[in-house]
C-alpha atoms as a PDB file:
ATOM      1  CA  MET A   1     -30.350  -9.831 -38.738  1.00  0.00           C
ATOM      2  CA  PRO A   2     -26.784  -9.027 -37.520  1.00  0.00           C
ATOM      3  CA  SER A   3     -26.249  -5.761 -35.704  1.00  0.00           C
ATOM      4  CA  THR A   4     -24.314  -2.968 -37.538  1.00  0.00           C
ATOM      5  CA  ALA A   5     -21.238  -3.761 -35.429  1.00  0.00           C
ATOM      6  CA  ILE A   6     -21.291  -7.402 -36.468  1.00  0.00           C
ATOM      7  CA  ALA A   7     -21.856  -6.396 -40.170  1.00  0.00           C
ATOM      8  CA  THR A   8     -18.901  -4.077 -39.966  1.00  0.00           C
ATOM      9  CA  VAL A   9     -16.580  -6.732 -38.474  1.00  0.00           C
ATOM     10  CA  GLU A  10     -17.872  -9.118 -41.063  1.00  0.00           C
ATOM     11  CA  LYS A  11     -16.945  -6.804 -44.007  1.00  0.00           C
ATOM     12  CA  MET A  12     -13.490  -6.182 -42.302  1.00  0.00           C
ATOM     13  CA  LEU A  13     -12.827  -9.809 -42.082  1.00  0.00           C
ATOM     14  CA  GLU A  14     -13.908 -10.495 -45.739  1.00  0.00           C
ATOM     15  CA  SER A  15     -11.291  -8.030 -46.940  1.00  0.00           C
ATOM     16  CA  LEU A  16      -8.452 -10.145 -45.377  1.00  0.00           C
ATOM     17  CA  PRO A  17      -6.904 -13.276 -46.837  1.00  0.00           C
ATOM     18  CA  GLN A  18      -8.355 -16.506 -45.378  1.00  0.00           C
ATOM     19  CA  GLU A  19      -5.266 -17.322 -43.167  1.00  0.00           C
ATOM     20  CA  VAL A  20      -5.464 -13.987 -41.581  1.00  0.00           C
ATOM     21  CA  GLN A  21      -9.299 -14.256 -41.151  1.00  0.00           C
ATOM     22  CA  GLU A  22      -8.762 -17.473 -39.086  1.00  0.00           C
ATOM     23  CA  GLN A  23      -6.149 -15.791 -36.977  1.00  0.00           C
ATOM     24  CA  VAL A  24      -8.442 -12.792 -36.289  1.00  0.00           C
ATOM     25  CA  VAL A  25     -11.265 -15.141 -35.469  1.00  0.00           C
ATOM     26  CA  GLU A  26      -9.129 -16.993 -33.044  1.00  0.00           C
ATOM     27  CA  HIS A  27      -8.097 -13.766 -31.328  1.00  0.00           C
ATOM     28  CA  LEU A  28     -11.570 -12.709 -31.111  1.00  0.00           C
ATOM     29  CA  ARG A  29     -12.569 -16.086 -29.625  1.00  0.00           C
ATOM     30  CA  GLU A  30     -10.108 -15.610 -26.879  1.00  0.00           C
ATOM     31  CA  TYR A  31     -11.034 -12.056 -26.295  1.00  0.00           C
ATOM     32  CA  ILE A  32     -14.816 -12.822 -26.053  1.00  0.00           C
ATOM     33  CA  MET A  33     -14.055 -15.643 -23.621  1.00  0.00           C
ATOM     34  CA  ASP A  34     -12.001 -13.244 -21.441  1.00  0.00           C
ATOM     35  CA  LEU A  35     -14.920 -10.898 -21.498  1.00  0.00           C
ATOM     36  CA  GLN A  36     -17.302 -13.583 -20.643  1.00  0.00           C
ATOM     37  CA  ASP A  37     -15.073 -14.557 -17.599  1.00  0.00           C
ATOM     38  CA  GLU A  38     -14.925 -10.943 -16.490  1.00  0.00           C
ATOM     39  CA  LEU A  39     -18.784 -10.680 -16.704  1.00  0.00           C
ATOM     40  CA  ARG A  40     -19.258 -13.833 -14.679  1.00  0.00           C
ATOM     41  CA  TRP A  41     -16.860 -12.616 -12.142  1.00  0.00           C
ATOM     42  CA  ASP A  42     -18.543  -9.178 -11.958  1.00  0.00           C
ATOM     43  CA  THR A  43     -21.941 -11.041 -11.450  1.00  0.00           C
ATOM     44  CA  LEU A  44     -20.673 -13.357  -8.735  1.00  0.00           C
ATOM     45  CA  PHE A  45     -19.062 -10.413  -6.835  1.00  0.00           C
ATOM     46  CA  ASN A  46     -22.113  -8.312  -6.975  1.00  0.00           C
ATOM     47  CA  HIS A  47     -24.079 -11.195  -5.547  1.00  0.00           C
ATOM     48  CA  ALA A  48     -21.592 -11.777  -2.862  1.00  0.00           C
ATOM     49  CA  GLN A  49     -20.913  -8.132  -2.015  1.00  0.00           C
ATOM     50  CA  ASP A  50     -23.312  -7.883   0.989  1.00  0.00           C
ATOM     51  CA  LYS A  51     -21.794 -11.022   2.554  1.00  0.00           C
ATOM     52  CA  LEU A  52     -18.283  -9.619   2.104  1.00  0.00           C
ATOM     53  CA  VAL A  53     -19.301  -6.367   3.762  1.00  0.00           C
ATOM     54  CA  ALA A  54     -20.922  -8.341   6.639  1.00  0.00           C
ATOM     55  CA  ALA A  55     -17.765 -10.555   7.063  1.00  0.00           C
ATOM     56  CA  ALA A  56     -15.661  -7.437   7.068  1.00  0.00           C
ATOM     57  CA  ARG A  57     -17.771  -5.834   9.797  1.00  0.00           C
ATOM     58  CA  ARG A  58     -17.617  -8.974  11.953  1.00  0.00           C
ATOM     59  CA  ALA A  59     -13.858  -9.021  11.498  1.00  0.00           C
ATOM     60  CA  LYS A  60     -13.486  -5.341  12.447  1.00  0.00           C
ATOM     61  CA  GLU A  61     -15.738  -5.966  15.418  1.00  0.00           C
ATOM     62  CA  GLY A  62     -13.710  -8.961  16.557  1.00  0.00           C
ATOM     63  CA  ILE A  63     -10.534  -6.807  16.384  1.00  0.00           C
ATOM     64  CA  ALA A  64     -12.109  -4.022  18.317  1.00  0.00           C
ATOM     65  CA  THR A  65     -13.219  -6.295  21.089  1.00  0.00           C
ATOM     66  CA  GLY A  66      -9.989  -8.218  21.409  1.00  0.00           C
ATOM     67  CA  GLN A  67     -11.596 -11.463  19.982  1.00  0.00           C
ATOM     68  CA  ALA A  68      -9.517 -11.711  16.926  1.00  0.00           C
ATOM     69  CA  GLU A  69      -6.218 -13.457  16.708  1.00  0.00           C
ATOM     70  CA  PRO A  70      -3.394 -12.652  14.284  1.00  0.00           C
ATOM     71  CA  MET A  71      -3.312 -15.023  11.145  1.00  0.00           C
ATOM     72  CA  ASP A  72      -1.033 -18.029  11.481  1.00  0.00           C
ATOM     73  CA  PHE A  73      -0.045 -18.497   7.844  1.00  0.00           C
ATOM     74  CA  GLU A  74       1.781 -21.636   8.808  1.00  0.00           C
ATOM     75  CA  ARG A  75      -1.433 -23.242   9.613  1.00  0.00           C
ATOM     76  CA  LEU A  76      -2.925 -22.693   6.181  1.00  0.00           C
END
């Protein structure tokens, strides 16, 4: 059984000509794919956040103790 939101979108689509329905579906497909990418990125970032904080602390400590060197972008 579709949710109320899906039923609403379905009714809205049915009121449009077939060609326009296909255009809307393509836009929705792209939009949903973008949302899925964002959700995956958020999940990955949340899982890595502790590691990022630890790396930042190590970098800050290295700078404070004089062990860090300026980044040589030519070596990248």
